Structures are given as structure tokens and as C-alpha cells.
Amino acid sequence: MVTPAILPEHVPALVATIGAAASAGVDLVQVRQPALDTRTLVAVVRGALEAVQGTRARVLVNERLDVALAAGAHGVHLKEDSMPAARLRAAAPRGFLIGRSVHSVDAVRRADVETLDYLVFGTVFETPSKPGREVAGADALAAAVRETRLPVLAIGGMTLDRLAPVSRAGAAGIAAIRLFADHADRAVTDVRRLWPVS
């Protein structure tokens, strides 16, 4: 689950949504709130960590290692053009997750497989959250999966009817905003059918 952008007054509602998604079985929660000040962002991450207690969900912070460490998050998610993952790994505690977004097969080839834990590839399908963004399609997703030994999650336009083609492309799972926020129980049920927990 990727969190939608919010204003500070919407923090309690966001934390409640995160808790519901974690209870439904979501594995990763990526807190992506670039507009929030540092203090509010730390509060959001701490709220998310409380909300996922007792579940298998892990909370990651987009780009902000300082916030992740201050709040006690499980990891950080990096943009494609962000800092080298090795720099973060050197400062991170044991078991800390580091992922990266990638938008092309070439970017997948350049990704540091020795340092990263996973990749998020997209935009796979058209999505209202990225209007006008060029889409890669399921074939490019399959090519990306073949280029790395890292788990690749698909993002962009994820709907219940698109889960099967994403699974056939070899993705390790999906990342989404609306799907898990609006239909967490149904989405997790369908995801588990295609990607059983080992």
C-alpha cells in the first residue's frame, strides 16, 4: 500500500486506513508524504507503526532515512534518481528494508541488486494518480522481472481485474494507493490467491 498525499489534519484518517489495510493482510506500507513537515511526517510514521502492530505489515518511508530512523520504521523507499542505496545501507540498522522505484527495463538493469531488497516497476497501466504518464504495459513488466533477481512489484493502474496479467508477467506482487485504501479486504484476498504467503 502506498499512502495518498494528505494535509496534516487528515493524519488520523490516514492512520486508520493504514491499520485497516494491515489488518486485511497488506505486507508493506509506503508512507509517501512529501508535502508534510518533518515533525508531522515522523508523527504519521509513528502512527502507522502503532496501527500495524500485531500484523505482518512493515512500514517504509519514502526517501527520508532520517525520518525512518527517528520513528523506528522498517525501511526506506527510494525514487529512481535518488541517492545510492549503499549509502543508506551503511547507516541503516540490521534488517532494514531498502526498495527503489524504476520506470524502465534499463533502470532495472542498473539497480544495485547487492544493496536493494526489492524494486517497484511502473507505471504499468493508466492511472488517475499519474494522468498523462506514459505506461509500460505488462510485456515491459515481464521484461523487467527477467532482468533482475530482486522481487519486482508492479505499480500503476492496479485494479482487481489486472492482478492476473501482472502475476503472469512474473511480478512478486503489486503496489497501489486506491485499491488497498478502497477495497483492502477484497484486494488482499485476490492478491493472496495469486501470490500465496510462504
N, C-alpha and C. Protein backbone atom coordinates (compact mmCIF):
# COMPACT_ATOMS: atom_id res chain seq x y z
N MET A 1 0.84 -1.18 0.00
CA MET A 1 0.00 0.00 0.00
C MET A 1 0.88 1.24 0.00
N VAL A 2 0.58 2.18 -0.90
CA VAL A 2 1.25 3.46 -0.94
C VAL A 2 0.25 4.50 -0.44
N THR A 3 0.67 5.35 0.50
CA THR A 3 -0.28 6.29 1.08
C THR A 3 -0.53 7.46 0.14
N PRO A 4 -1.79 7.92 0.04
CA PRO A 4 -2.09 9.11 -0.76
C PRO A 4 -1.59 10.37 -0.05
N ALA A 5 -1.31 11.42 -0.82
CA ALA A 5 -0.88 12.68 -0.23
C ALA A 5 -2.01 13.28 0.60
N ILE A 6 -1.69 13.81 1.77
CA ILE A 6 -2.70 14.34 2.68
C ILE A 6 -2.26 15.68 3.26
N LEU A 7 -3.20 16.37 3.88
CA LEU A 7 -2.92 17.54 4.70
C LEU A 7 -2.76 17.08 6.14
N PRO A 8 -2.07 17.86 6.99
CA PRO A 8 -1.85 17.43 8.38
C PRO A 8 -3.13 17.06 9.13
N GLU A 9 -4.22 17.74 8.85
CA GLU A 9 -5.47 17.44 9.58
C GLU A 9 -6.07 16.09 9.22
N HIS A 10 -5.57 15.47 8.17
CA HIS A 10 -6.09 14.17 7.75
C HIS A 10 -5.27 13.00 8.26
N VAL A 11 -4.28 13.29 9.11
CA VAL A 11 -3.40 12.23 9.63
C VAL A 11 -4.19 11.12 10.34
N PRO A 12 -5.14 11.42 11.24
CA PRO A 12 -5.86 10.33 11.92
C PRO A 12 -6.59 9.40 10.95
N ALA A 13 -7.20 9.97 9.92
CA ALA A 13 -7.91 9.15 8.93
C ALA A 13 -6.93 8.27 8.16
N LEU A 14 -5.78 8.81 7.82
CA LEU A 14 -4.77 8.03 7.10
C LEU A 14 -4.28 6.87 7.96
N VAL A 15 -4.00 7.14 9.22
CA VAL A 15 -3.52 6.09 10.13
C VAL A 15 -4.57 4.99 10.27
N ALA A 16 -5.84 5.38 10.33
CA ALA A 16 -6.92 4.38 10.40
C ALA A 16 -6.96 3.53 9.14
N THR A 17 -6.77 4.15 7.98
CA THR A 17 -6.74 3.40 6.71
C THR A 17 -5.57 2.43 6.68
N ILE A 18 -4.42 2.88 7.17
CA ILE A 18 -3.25 2.00 7.24
C ILE A 18 -3.52 0.81 8.15
N GLY A 19 -4.13 1.05 9.29
CA GLY A 19 -4.45 -0.04 10.21
C GLY A 19 -5.40 -1.05 9.59
N ALA A 20 -6.40 -0.55 8.86
CA ALA A 20 -7.36 -1.45 8.21
C ALA A 20 -6.68 -2.28 7.13
N ALA A 21 -5.81 -1.66 6.36
CA ALA A 21 -5.11 -2.39 5.30
C ALA A 21 -4.17 -3.43 5.90
N ALA A 22 -3.47 -3.08 6.98
CA ALA A 22 -2.57 -4.04 7.63
C ALA A 22 -3.35 -5.21 8.21
N SER A 23 -4.50 -4.91 8.82
CA SER A 23 -5.34 -5.99 9.37
C SER A 23 -5.87 -6.90 8.28
N ALA A 24 -6.08 -6.34 7.10
CA ALA A 24 -6.56 -7.15 5.97
C ALA A 24 -5.46 -8.04 5.40
N GLY A 25 -4.18 -7.69 5.68
CA GLY A 25 -3.08 -8.54 5.23
C GLY A 25 -2.06 -7.89 4.33
N VAL A 26 -2.11 -6.55 4.18
CA VAL A 26 -1.11 -5.86 3.38
C VAL A 26 0.28 -6.06 4.00
N ASP A 27 1.28 -6.31 3.17
CA ASP A 27 2.63 -6.60 3.65
C ASP A 27 3.47 -5.35 3.91
N LEU A 28 3.41 -4.40 2.99
CA LEU A 28 4.24 -3.19 3.07
C LEU A 28 3.36 -1.96 2.99
N VAL A 29 3.69 -0.97 3.81
CA VAL A 29 3.03 0.33 3.76
C VAL A 29 4.11 1.36 3.48
N GLN A 30 4.01 2.00 2.31
CA GLN A 30 4.98 3.04 1.94
C GLN A 30 4.38 4.39 2.27
N VAL A 31 4.95 5.06 3.26
CA VAL A 31 4.47 6.39 3.65
C VAL A 31 5.13 7.41 2.73
N ARG A 32 4.32 7.95 1.82
CA ARG A 32 4.81 8.90 0.82
C ARG A 32 4.06 10.21 1.01
N GLN A 33 4.68 11.12 1.76
CA GLN A 33 4.05 12.40 2.11
C GLN A 33 5.05 13.53 1.95
N PRO A 34 5.42 13.89 0.72
CA PRO A 34 6.48 14.90 0.54
C PRO A 34 6.09 16.29 1.00
N ALA A 35 4.81 16.59 1.13
CA ALA A 35 4.38 17.94 1.49
C ALA A 35 4.38 18.19 3.00
N LEU A 36 4.48 17.12 3.80
CA LEU A 36 4.42 17.29 5.25
C LEU A 36 5.77 17.72 5.81
N ASP A 37 5.74 18.57 6.85
CA ASP A 37 6.98 18.94 7.51
C ASP A 37 7.51 17.73 8.29
N THR A 38 8.77 17.79 8.67
CA THR A 38 9.44 16.64 9.28
C THR A 38 8.73 16.16 10.55
N ARG A 39 8.34 17.09 11.42
CA ARG A 39 7.70 16.69 12.67
C ARG A 39 6.39 15.95 12.42
N THR A 40 5.60 16.47 11.48
CA THR A 40 4.32 15.82 11.17
C THR A 40 4.55 14.47 10.52
N LEU A 41 5.56 14.39 9.64
CA LEU A 41 5.86 13.13 8.97
C LEU A 41 6.30 12.07 9.98
N VAL A 42 7.12 12.44 10.94
CA VAL A 42 7.52 11.50 11.98
C VAL A 42 6.30 11.01 12.75
N ALA A 43 5.37 11.92 13.03
CA ALA A 43 4.14 11.54 13.74
C ALA A 43 3.30 10.58 12.91
N VAL A 44 3.22 10.81 11.61
CA VAL A 44 2.48 9.89 10.72
C VAL A 44 3.11 8.51 10.75
N VAL A 45 4.44 8.45 10.64
CA VAL A 45 5.13 7.16 10.61
C VAL A 45 4.95 6.43 11.95
N ARG A 46 5.06 7.15 13.04
CA ARG A 46 4.84 6.51 14.35
C ARG A 46 3.40 6.01 14.48
N GLY A 47 2.45 6.80 13.98
CA GLY A 47 1.06 6.36 13.99
C GLY A 47 0.86 5.11 13.14
N ALA A 48 1.52 5.09 11.98
CA ALA A 48 1.44 3.92 11.10
C ALA A 48 2.02 2.69 11.79
N LEU A 49 3.15 2.86 12.48
CA LEU A 49 3.77 1.74 13.18
C LEU A 49 2.87 1.19 14.28
N GLU A 50 2.20 2.08 14.99
CA GLU A 50 1.24 1.63 16.01
C GLU A 50 0.07 0.90 15.35
N ALA A 51 -0.38 1.43 14.21
CA ALA A 51 -1.54 0.85 13.53
C ALA A 51 -1.28 -0.55 12.99
N VAL A 52 -0.02 -0.86 12.65
CA VAL A 52 0.28 -2.17 12.07
C VAL A 52 0.75 -3.19 13.12
N GLN A 53 0.85 -2.78 14.37
CA GLN A 53 1.30 -3.73 15.41
C GLN A 53 0.40 -4.96 15.42
N GLY A 54 1.02 -6.13 15.55
CA GLY A 54 0.27 -7.37 15.58
C GLY A 54 -0.05 -7.92 14.20
N THR A 55 0.41 -7.24 13.14
CA THR A 55 0.20 -7.72 11.77
C THR A 55 1.56 -8.00 11.15
N ARG A 56 1.55 -8.53 9.93
CA ARG A 56 2.80 -8.79 9.22
C ARG A 56 3.31 -7.57 8.45
N ALA A 57 2.54 -6.48 8.46
CA ALA A 57 2.88 -5.30 7.67
C ALA A 57 4.13 -4.61 8.19
N ARG A 58 4.92 -4.09 7.26
CA ARG A 58 6.11 -3.31 7.60
C ARG A 58 5.96 -1.93 6.99
N VAL A 59 6.41 -0.93 7.71
CA VAL A 59 6.24 0.46 7.31
C VAL A 59 7.55 1.02 6.77
N LEU A 60 7.48 1.59 5.56
CA LEU A 60 8.64 2.21 4.94
C LEU A 60 8.35 3.68 4.67
N VAL A 61 9.38 4.50 4.71
CA VAL A 61 9.23 5.93 4.48
C VAL A 61 9.84 6.28 3.13
N ASN A 62 9.11 7.05 2.35
CA ASN A 62 9.62 7.45 1.05
C ASN A 62 10.76 8.45 1.20
N GLU A 63 11.97 8.06 0.73
CA GLU A 63 13.12 8.94 0.61
C GLU A 63 13.80 9.37 1.91
N ARG A 64 13.12 9.42 3.03
CA ARG A 64 13.62 10.08 4.23
C ARG A 64 14.19 9.09 5.24
N LEU A 65 15.48 8.79 5.11
CA LEU A 65 16.14 7.91 6.07
C LEU A 65 16.10 8.52 7.47
N ASP A 66 16.27 9.83 7.56
CA ASP A 66 16.26 10.47 8.87
C ASP A 66 14.94 10.26 9.60
N VAL A 67 13.85 10.38 8.86
CA VAL A 67 12.52 10.18 9.46
C VAL A 67 12.31 8.71 9.80
N ALA A 68 12.72 7.83 8.91
CA ALA A 68 12.57 6.39 9.17
C ALA A 68 13.31 5.99 10.44
N LEU A 69 14.52 6.46 10.61
CA LEU A 69 15.30 6.11 11.80
C LEU A 69 14.73 6.76 13.05
N ALA A 70 14.30 8.01 12.96
CA ALA A 70 13.75 8.71 14.12
C ALA A 70 12.46 8.05 14.60
N ALA A 71 11.65 7.58 13.66
CA ALA A 71 10.36 6.99 14.01
C ALA A 71 10.44 5.50 14.30
N GLY A 72 11.55 4.87 13.90
CA GLY A 72 11.68 3.42 14.09
C GLY A 72 11.01 2.61 13.01
N ALA A 73 10.93 3.16 11.78
CA ALA A 73 10.29 2.46 10.66
C ALA A 73 11.13 1.25 10.24
N HIS A 74 10.51 0.41 9.42
CA HIS A 74 11.17 -0.83 8.97
C HIS A 74 12.05 -0.64 7.75
N GLY A 75 11.97 0.54 7.11
CA GLY A 75 12.77 0.73 5.90
C GLY A 75 12.49 2.03 5.21
N VAL A 76 13.12 2.16 4.02
CA VAL A 76 13.01 3.37 3.18
C VAL A 76 12.77 2.93 1.75
N HIS A 77 11.95 3.73 1.06
CA HIS A 77 11.75 3.51 -0.37
C HIS A 77 12.31 4.70 -1.14
N LEU A 78 13.12 4.42 -2.16
CA LEU A 78 13.82 5.46 -2.92
C LEU A 78 13.23 5.66 -4.31
N LYS A 79 13.31 6.90 -4.79
CA LYS A 79 12.96 7.19 -6.18
C LYS A 79 14.05 6.63 -7.08
N GLU A 80 13.73 6.54 -8.38
CA GLU A 80 14.71 6.01 -9.33
C GLU A 80 15.99 6.83 -9.35
N ASP A 81 15.87 8.15 -9.29
CA ASP A 81 17.04 9.02 -9.40
C ASP A 81 17.57 9.49 -8.06
N SER A 82 17.21 8.79 -6.99
CA SER A 82 17.64 9.18 -5.65
C SER A 82 19.06 8.71 -5.37
N MET A 83 19.48 8.93 -4.14
CA MET A 83 20.84 8.60 -3.71
C MET A 83 21.13 7.09 -3.83
N PRO A 84 22.40 6.72 -3.89
CA PRO A 84 22.76 5.30 -3.95
C PRO A 84 22.27 4.56 -2.70
N ALA A 85 21.70 3.40 -2.90
CA ALA A 85 21.19 2.62 -1.78
C ALA A 85 22.31 2.21 -0.82
N ALA A 86 23.52 2.03 -1.34
CA ALA A 86 24.64 1.61 -0.49
C ALA A 86 24.93 2.65 0.59
N ARG A 87 24.72 3.93 0.27
CA ARG A 87 24.95 4.98 1.26
C ARG A 87 23.98 4.84 2.42
N LEU A 88 22.73 4.50 2.12
CA LEU A 88 21.73 4.30 3.18
C LEU A 88 22.01 3.03 3.95
N ARG A 89 22.38 1.99 3.23
CA ARG A 89 22.61 0.69 3.88
C ARG A 89 23.68 0.82 4.95
N ALA A 90 24.70 1.63 4.69
CA ALA A 90 25.79 1.79 5.65
C ALA A 90 25.31 2.43 6.95
N ALA A 91 24.23 3.23 6.88
CA ALA A 91 23.74 3.93 8.07
C ALA A 91 22.52 3.25 8.69
N ALA A 92 22.02 2.21 8.06
CA ALA A 92 20.77 1.60 8.49
C ALA A 92 21.02 0.43 9.44
N PRO A 93 20.06 0.16 10.32
CA PRO A 93 20.20 -0.98 11.22
C PRO A 93 20.00 -2.31 10.48
N ARG A 94 20.38 -3.37 11.12
CA ARG A 94 20.21 -4.72 10.55
C ARG A 94 18.73 -5.00 10.30
N GLY A 95 18.44 -5.61 9.16
CA GLY A 95 17.06 -5.96 8.82
C GLY A 95 16.26 -4.84 8.19
N PHE A 96 16.87 -3.69 8.01
CA PHE A 96 16.23 -2.52 7.42
C PHE A 96 15.99 -2.77 5.94
N LEU A 97 14.78 -2.50 5.46
CA LEU A 97 14.44 -2.71 4.05
C LEU A 97 14.74 -1.46 3.23
N ILE A 98 15.29 -1.67 2.04
CA ILE A 98 15.50 -0.57 1.10
C ILE A 98 14.99 -1.01 -0.27
N GLY A 99 14.04 -0.25 -0.79
CA GLY A 99 13.50 -0.52 -2.12
C GLY A 99 13.69 0.68 -3.02
N ARG A 100 13.47 0.48 -4.32
CA ARG A 100 13.63 1.58 -5.27
C ARG A 100 12.57 1.48 -6.37
N SER A 101 12.04 2.64 -6.75
CA SER A 101 11.15 2.71 -7.91
C SER A 101 12.00 2.74 -9.18
N VAL A 102 11.53 2.04 -10.20
CA VAL A 102 12.19 2.05 -11.51
C VAL A 102 11.11 2.16 -12.58
N HIS A 103 11.47 2.81 -13.70
CA HIS A 103 10.47 3.09 -14.72
C HIS A 103 10.82 2.56 -16.10
N SER A 104 11.88 1.78 -16.17
CA SER A 104 12.26 1.19 -17.45
C SER A 104 13.08 -0.07 -17.20
N VAL A 105 13.18 -0.89 -18.22
CA VAL A 105 13.99 -2.11 -18.11
C VAL A 105 15.46 -1.73 -17.92
N ASP A 106 15.90 -0.65 -18.55
CA ASP A 106 17.28 -0.20 -18.38
C ASP A 106 17.56 0.18 -16.93
N ALA A 107 16.60 0.85 -16.28
CA ALA A 107 16.77 1.21 -14.86
C ALA A 107 16.82 -0.03 -13.98
N VAL A 108 16.09 -1.06 -14.36
CA VAL A 108 16.15 -2.33 -13.62
C VAL A 108 17.55 -2.91 -13.72
N ARG A 109 18.12 -2.86 -14.91
CA ARG A 109 19.49 -3.40 -15.10
C ARG A 109 20.51 -2.65 -14.25
N ARG A 110 20.29 -1.35 -14.05
CA ARG A 110 21.25 -0.53 -13.29
C ARG A 110 21.06 -0.64 -11.78
N ALA A 111 19.96 -1.21 -11.35
CA ALA A 111 19.66 -1.26 -9.91
C ALA A 111 20.66 -2.13 -9.17
N ASP A 112 21.04 -1.70 -8.00
CA ASP A 112 22.06 -2.37 -7.18
C ASP A 112 21.45 -3.58 -6.46
N VAL A 113 21.59 -4.73 -7.06
CA VAL A 113 20.98 -5.94 -6.50
C VAL A 113 21.63 -6.38 -5.20
N GLU A 114 22.85 -5.93 -4.95
CA GLU A 114 23.53 -6.33 -3.72
C GLU A 114 23.05 -5.53 -2.51
N THR A 115 22.44 -4.38 -2.74
CA THR A 115 22.06 -3.49 -1.65
C THR A 115 20.55 -3.39 -1.47
N LEU A 116 19.81 -3.45 -2.56
CA LEU A 116 18.35 -3.30 -2.51
C LEU A 116 17.65 -4.59 -2.12
N ASP A 117 16.45 -4.46 -1.57
CA ASP A 117 15.64 -5.61 -1.20
C ASP A 117 14.54 -5.90 -2.21
N TYR A 118 14.09 -4.88 -2.93
CA TYR A 118 13.02 -5.05 -3.91
C TYR A 118 12.99 -3.85 -4.84
N LEU A 119 12.27 -3.99 -5.96
CA LEU A 119 12.03 -2.89 -6.90
C LEU A 119 10.53 -2.72 -7.09
N VAL A 120 10.11 -1.50 -7.37
CA VAL A 120 8.73 -1.22 -7.76
C VAL A 120 8.78 -0.69 -9.19
N PHE A 121 8.16 -1.40 -10.12
CA PHE A 121 8.22 -1.06 -11.55
C PHE A 121 6.89 -0.48 -12.02
N GLY A 122 6.97 0.63 -12.74
CA GLY A 122 5.75 1.21 -13.28
C GLY A 122 6.06 2.55 -13.93
N THR A 123 5.09 3.12 -14.45
CA THR A 123 3.65 2.90 -14.34
C THR A 123 3.25 1.81 -15.35
N VAL A 124 2.62 0.73 -14.86
CA VAL A 124 2.30 -0.39 -15.74
C VAL A 124 1.06 -0.10 -16.57
N PHE A 125 -0.01 0.40 -15.94
CA PHE A 125 -1.26 0.71 -16.63
C PHE A 125 -1.64 2.17 -16.35
N GLU A 126 -2.55 2.69 -17.14
CA GLU A 126 -3.03 4.06 -16.90
C GLU A 126 -3.62 4.17 -15.51
N THR A 127 -3.37 5.32 -14.87
CA THR A 127 -3.86 5.52 -13.52
C THR A 127 -4.26 6.98 -13.32
N PRO A 128 -5.36 7.23 -12.61
CA PRO A 128 -5.77 8.60 -12.34
C PRO A 128 -4.76 9.39 -11.50
N SER A 129 -3.93 8.70 -10.72
CA SER A 129 -2.97 9.41 -9.87
C SER A 129 -1.78 9.94 -10.66
N LYS A 130 -1.58 9.45 -11.89
CA LYS A 130 -0.49 9.93 -12.75
C LYS A 130 -1.05 10.20 -14.14
N PRO A 131 -1.95 11.18 -14.27
CA PRO A 131 -2.56 11.43 -15.59
C PRO A 131 -1.53 11.83 -16.63
N GLY A 132 -1.67 11.25 -17.82
CA GLY A 132 -0.75 11.57 -18.90
C GLY A 132 0.57 10.85 -18.86
N ARG A 133 0.84 10.11 -17.80
CA ARG A 133 2.11 9.37 -17.68
C ARG A 133 2.14 8.24 -18.70
N GLU A 134 3.25 8.10 -19.40
CA GLU A 134 3.40 7.00 -20.36
C GLU A 134 3.38 5.68 -19.60
N VAL A 135 2.62 4.72 -20.11
CA VAL A 135 2.50 3.43 -19.42
C VAL A 135 3.43 2.40 -20.07
N ALA A 136 3.92 1.49 -19.24
CA ALA A 136 4.87 0.48 -19.70
C ALA A 136 4.17 -0.74 -20.29
N GLY A 137 3.09 -1.18 -19.62
CA GLY A 137 2.38 -2.37 -20.07
C GLY A 137 2.93 -3.64 -19.44
N ALA A 138 2.16 -4.70 -19.56
CA ALA A 138 2.52 -5.97 -18.93
C ALA A 138 3.75 -6.61 -19.56
N ASP A 139 3.96 -6.41 -20.86
CA ASP A 139 5.14 -7.00 -21.52
C ASP A 139 6.43 -6.39 -20.98
N ALA A 140 6.44 -5.07 -20.78
CA ALA A 140 7.62 -4.42 -20.21
C ALA A 140 7.84 -4.87 -18.77
N LEU A 141 6.75 -5.05 -18.04
CA LEU A 141 6.86 -5.58 -16.68
C LEU A 141 7.53 -6.96 -16.69
N ALA A 142 7.11 -7.82 -17.59
CA ALA A 142 7.70 -9.16 -17.70
C ALA A 142 9.19 -9.07 -18.04
N ALA A 143 9.54 -8.14 -18.93
CA ALA A 143 10.95 -7.95 -19.29
C ALA A 143 11.75 -7.46 -18.08
N ALA A 144 11.16 -6.57 -17.30
CA ALA A 144 11.83 -6.07 -16.10
C ALA A 144 12.09 -7.19 -15.11
N VAL A 145 11.10 -8.05 -14.92
CA VAL A 145 11.24 -9.18 -13.99
C VAL A 145 12.38 -10.09 -14.42
N ARG A 146 12.50 -10.32 -15.74
CA ARG A 146 13.55 -11.21 -16.25
C ARG A 146 14.95 -10.63 -16.06
N GLU A 147 15.06 -9.32 -15.90
CA GLU A 147 16.37 -8.66 -15.84
C GLU A 147 17.00 -8.63 -14.45
N THR A 148 16.29 -9.09 -13.42
CA THR A 148 16.84 -8.97 -12.07
C THR A 148 16.46 -10.17 -11.21
N ARG A 149 17.26 -10.39 -10.19
CA ARG A 149 16.90 -11.42 -9.21
C ARG A 149 16.15 -10.83 -8.03
N LEU A 150 16.00 -9.51 -8.01
CA LEU A 150 15.22 -8.86 -6.95
C LEU A 150 13.73 -9.06 -7.17
N PRO A 151 12.93 -9.13 -6.10
CA PRO A 151 11.48 -9.14 -6.28
C PRO A 151 11.04 -7.82 -6.92
N VAL A 152 10.15 -7.91 -7.89
CA VAL A 152 9.63 -6.73 -8.58
C VAL A 152 8.14 -6.60 -8.30
N LEU A 153 7.74 -5.47 -7.73
CA LEU A 153 6.33 -5.17 -7.51
C LEU A 153 5.86 -4.25 -8.63
N ALA A 154 4.65 -4.48 -9.11
CA ALA A 154 4.07 -3.66 -10.17
C ALA A 154 3.25 -2.53 -9.56
N ILE A 155 3.34 -1.34 -10.16
CA ILE A 155 2.54 -0.20 -9.70
C ILE A 155 1.98 0.55 -10.91
N GLY A 156 0.83 1.16 -10.69
CA GLY A 156 0.23 1.96 -11.75
C GLY A 156 -1.01 1.32 -12.31
N GLY A 157 -2.18 1.86 -11.95
CA GLY A 157 -3.43 1.36 -12.51
C GLY A 157 -3.81 -0.02 -12.01
N MET A 158 -3.37 -0.39 -10.82
CA MET A 158 -3.69 -1.72 -10.30
C MET A 158 -5.17 -1.80 -9.91
N THR A 159 -5.88 -2.70 -10.55
CA THR A 159 -7.28 -2.99 -10.25
C THR A 159 -7.42 -4.50 -10.10
N LEU A 160 -8.53 -4.92 -9.54
CA LEU A 160 -8.71 -6.36 -9.32
C LEU A 160 -8.62 -7.16 -10.60
N ASP A 161 -9.11 -6.63 -11.71
CA ASP A 161 -9.09 -7.38 -12.97
C ASP A 161 -7.72 -7.36 -13.65
N ARG A 162 -6.79 -6.56 -13.13
CA ARG A 162 -5.44 -6.53 -13.71
C ARG A 162 -4.44 -7.35 -12.91
N LEU A 163 -4.85 -7.95 -11.80
CA LEU A 163 -3.93 -8.72 -10.98
C LEU A 163 -3.41 -9.95 -11.71
N ALA A 164 -4.28 -10.65 -12.42
CA ALA A 164 -3.86 -11.88 -13.10
C ALA A 164 -2.79 -11.62 -14.16
N PRO A 165 -2.96 -10.62 -15.06
CA PRO A 165 -1.88 -10.37 -16.02
C PRO A 165 -0.57 -9.94 -15.37
N VAL A 166 -0.66 -9.23 -14.24
CA VAL A 166 0.55 -8.83 -13.53
C VAL A 166 1.24 -10.07 -12.95
N SER A 167 0.45 -10.99 -12.42
CA SER A 167 1.02 -12.24 -11.90
C SER A 167 1.66 -13.06 -13.02
N ARG A 168 0.98 -13.13 -14.17
CA ARG A 168 1.53 -13.88 -15.31
C ARG A 168 2.84 -13.27 -15.80
N ALA A 169 3.00 -11.97 -15.62
CA ALA A 169 4.24 -11.30 -16.04
C ALA A 169 5.41 -11.63 -15.11
N GLY A 170 5.11 -12.27 -13.98
CA GLY A 170 6.17 -12.69 -13.07
C GLY A 170 6.44 -11.76 -11.91
N ALA A 171 5.62 -10.71 -11.75
CA ALA A 171 5.81 -9.78 -10.64
C ALA A 171 5.65 -10.51 -9.31
N ALA A 172 6.36 -10.04 -8.30
CA ALA A 172 6.29 -10.64 -6.96
C ALA A 172 5.07 -10.15 -6.19
N GLY A 173 4.38 -9.15 -6.72
CA GLY A 173 3.21 -8.58 -6.08
C GLY A 173 2.90 -7.23 -6.69
N ILE A 174 2.07 -6.46 -6.01
CA ILE A 174 1.68 -5.15 -6.53
C ILE A 174 1.83 -4.09 -5.45
N ALA A 175 1.91 -2.84 -5.89
CA ALA A 175 1.83 -1.67 -5.02
C ALA A 175 0.69 -0.81 -5.54
N ALA A 176 -0.09 -0.23 -4.65
CA ALA A 176 -1.25 0.55 -5.08
C ALA A 176 -1.67 1.53 -3.99
N ILE A 177 -2.36 2.56 -4.40
CA ILE A 177 -2.94 3.51 -3.46
C ILE A 177 -4.42 3.20 -3.28
N ARG A 178 -5.20 3.47 -4.33
CA ARG A 178 -6.67 3.36 -4.22
C ARG A 178 -7.15 1.95 -3.95
N LEU A 179 -6.52 0.97 -4.57
CA LEU A 179 -7.00 -0.41 -4.45
C LEU A 179 -7.04 -0.86 -3.00
N PHE A 180 -5.98 -0.60 -2.25
CA PHE A 180 -5.94 -1.03 -0.85
C PHE A 180 -6.69 -0.08 0.07
N ALA A 181 -6.74 1.19 -0.29
CA ALA A 181 -7.49 2.14 0.54
C ALA A 181 -8.99 1.92 0.42
N ASP A 182 -9.46 1.56 -0.77
CA ASP A 182 -10.91 1.43 -1.01
C ASP A 182 -11.44 0.02 -0.82
N HIS A 183 -10.62 -0.99 -1.11
CA HIS A 183 -11.11 -2.38 -1.10
C HIS A 183 -10.08 -3.30 -0.45
N ALA A 184 -9.58 -2.96 0.72
CA ALA A 184 -8.46 -3.71 1.30
C ALA A 184 -8.75 -5.20 1.45
N ASP A 185 -9.88 -5.56 2.05
CA ASP A 185 -10.17 -6.99 2.27
C ASP A 185 -10.25 -7.76 0.96
N ARG A 186 -11.02 -7.26 0.01
CA ARG A 186 -11.17 -7.94 -1.28
C ARG A 186 -9.85 -7.97 -2.03
N ALA A 187 -9.11 -6.84 -2.01
CA ALA A 187 -7.85 -6.79 -2.73
C ALA A 187 -6.85 -7.79 -2.17
N VAL A 188 -6.73 -7.85 -0.85
CA VAL A 188 -5.77 -8.77 -0.24
C VAL A 188 -6.17 -10.22 -0.51
N THR A 189 -7.46 -10.51 -0.47
CA THR A 189 -7.92 -11.87 -0.79
C THR A 189 -7.50 -12.27 -2.19
N ASP A 190 -7.72 -11.38 -3.16
CA ASP A 190 -7.35 -11.68 -4.54
C ASP A 190 -5.84 -11.75 -4.72
N VAL A 191 -5.11 -10.87 -4.05
CA VAL A 191 -3.65 -10.90 -4.13
C VAL A 191 -3.11 -12.20 -3.54
N ARG A 192 -3.65 -12.64 -2.42
CA ARG A 192 -3.17 -13.88 -1.79
C ARG A 192 -3.47 -15.11 -2.66
N ARG A 193 -4.53 -15.04 -3.43
CA ARG A 193 -4.85 -16.16 -4.33
C ARG A 193 -3.77 -16.31 -5.39
N LEU A 194 -3.26 -15.18 -5.87
CA LEU A 194 -2.24 -15.22 -6.92
C LEU A 194 -0.82 -15.28 -6.37
N TRP A 195 -0.62 -14.68 -5.19
CA TRP A 195 0.70 -14.66 -4.54
C TRP A 195 0.57 -15.18 -3.12
N PRO A 196 0.47 -16.49 -2.93
CA PRO A 196 0.30 -17.04 -1.57
C PRO A 196 1.48 -16.71 -0.68
N VAL A 197 1.20 -16.54 0.60
CA VAL A 197 2.26 -16.28 1.57
C VAL A 197 2.98 -17.59 1.86
N SER A 198 4.33 -17.56 1.79
CA SER A 198 5.07 -18.81 2.04
C SER A 198 5.34 -18.98 3.51
